[in-house]
């Protein structure tokens, strides 16, 4: 993957925290990962805005249902992570 060196200005206290957290990965990898995450989040927010324009705002019941599904998925992923796999016959 091609890379390019850039200069950015970051508050000193934030930089100190990031350097401490990014020690093994390195500052560049940490920042690149954070930027990808932010870009992906921005794209998702654009999609949400478009969907709400097309279909109206999400109701509280829809939001609660989606959050419950996410909690179930998170619990399943945590279970698989801690047990090292999935049930036979189940998609990975």
Protein backbone atom coordinates (compact mmCIF):
# COMPACT_ATOMS: atom_id res chain seq x y z
CA UNK A 1 0.00 0.00 0.00
CA UNK A 2 1.39 3.37 -0.96
CA UNK A 3 1.79 5.92 1.81
CA UNK A 4 2.46 9.62 1.92
CA UNK A 5 3.97 11.67 4.70
CA UNK A 6 1.85 14.61 5.88
CA UNK A 7 2.09 17.19 8.62
CA UNK A 8 -0.76 17.66 11.07
CA UNK A 9 -1.16 19.71 14.21
CA UNK A 10 -2.45 17.83 17.26
CA UNK A 11 -2.93 19.18 20.79
CA UNK A 12 0.09 18.14 22.86
CA UNK A 13 -1.90 16.40 25.60
CA UNK A 14 -3.80 14.33 23.03
CA UNK A 15 -0.57 13.42 21.24
CA UNK A 16 0.95 12.22 24.52
CA UNK A 17 -2.07 9.99 25.17
CA UNK A 18 -2.05 8.61 21.61
CA UNK A 19 1.67 7.85 21.72
CA UNK A 20 1.20 5.94 24.98
CA UNK A 21 -1.69 3.91 23.54
CA UNK A 22 -0.08 3.35 20.14
CA UNK A 23 3.31 2.19 21.45
CA UNK A 24 3.45 -1.24 19.76
CA UNK A 25 1.56 -0.36 16.58
CA UNK A 26 3.25 2.98 16.11
CA UNK A 27 1.79 6.43 15.80
CA UNK A 28 1.26 6.31 12.03
CA UNK A 29 -0.69 3.04 12.18
CA UNK A 30 -2.80 4.34 15.07
CA UNK A 31 -3.63 7.58 13.27
CA UNK A 32 -4.40 5.77 9.98
CA UNK A 33 -6.76 3.41 11.81
CA UNK A 34 -8.48 6.33 13.54
CA UNK A 35 -8.89 8.19 10.25
CA UNK A 36 -10.38 5.10 8.57
CA UNK A 37 -12.80 4.70 11.46
CA UNK A 38 -13.82 8.37 11.23
CA UNK A 39 -14.24 8.16 7.44
CA UNK A 40 -16.39 5.03 7.76
CA UNK A 41 -18.50 6.64 10.49
CA UNK A 42 -19.04 9.75 8.36
CA UNK A 43 -20.17 7.57 5.45
CA UNK A 44 -22.59 5.71 7.71
CA UNK A 45 -24.01 9.01 8.97
CA UNK A 46 -24.51 10.14 5.36
CA UNK A 47 -26.37 6.89 4.69
CA UNK A 48 -28.54 7.39 7.78
CA UNK A 49 -29.39 10.93 6.66
CA UNK A 50 -30.31 9.68 3.18
CA UNK A 51 -32.41 6.81 4.54
CA UNK A 52 -34.25 9.17 6.87
CA UNK A 53 -34.95 11.53 3.97
CA UNK A 54 -36.31 8.60 1.93
CA UNK A 55 -38.21 6.72 4.66
CA UNK A 56 -38.67 9.13 7.55
CA UNK A 57 -36.97 9.17 10.92
CA UNK A 58 -36.33 5.99 12.88
CA UNK A 59 -38.89 5.41 15.63
CA UNK A 60 -37.86 4.66 19.21
CA UNK A 61 -39.21 1.10 18.81
CA UNK A 62 -37.07 0.57 15.69
CA UNK A 63 -34.04 2.01 17.45
CA UNK A 64 -34.58 -0.21 20.52
CA UNK A 65 -35.01 -3.28 18.32
CA UNK A 66 -31.81 -2.52 16.39
CA UNK A 67 -29.85 -1.96 19.60
CA UNK A 68 -31.15 -5.25 21.01
CA UNK A 69 -30.01 -7.04 17.86
CA UNK A 70 -26.57 -5.43 18.12
CA UNK A 71 -26.29 -6.51 21.76
CA UNK A 72 -27.18 -10.07 20.75
CA UNK A 73 -24.56 -10.01 17.98
CA UNK A 74 -21.93 -8.58 20.33
CA UNK A 75 -22.71 -11.31 22.88
CA UNK A 76 -22.43 -14.00 20.18
CA UNK A 77 -19.12 -12.58 18.93
CA UNK A 78 -17.78 -12.44 22.48
CA UNK A 79 -18.88 -16.04 23.05
CA UNK A 80 -17.14 -17.17 19.85
CA UNK A 81 -14.02 -15.20 20.74
CA UNK A 82 -13.78 -16.75 24.19
CA UNK A 83 -14.65 -20.30 23.10
CA UNK A 84 -12.53 -20.20 19.96
CA UNK A 85 -15.09 -21.00 17.32
CA UNK A 86 -18.68 -21.59 16.39
CA UNK A 87 -21.21 -24.39 16.61
CA UNK A 88 -20.98 -27.22 14.04
CA UNK A 89 -23.26 -26.62 11.07
CA UNK A 90 -23.31 -22.89 11.78
CA UNK A 91 -21.91 -20.33 9.38
CA UNK A 92 -18.60 -18.88 10.52
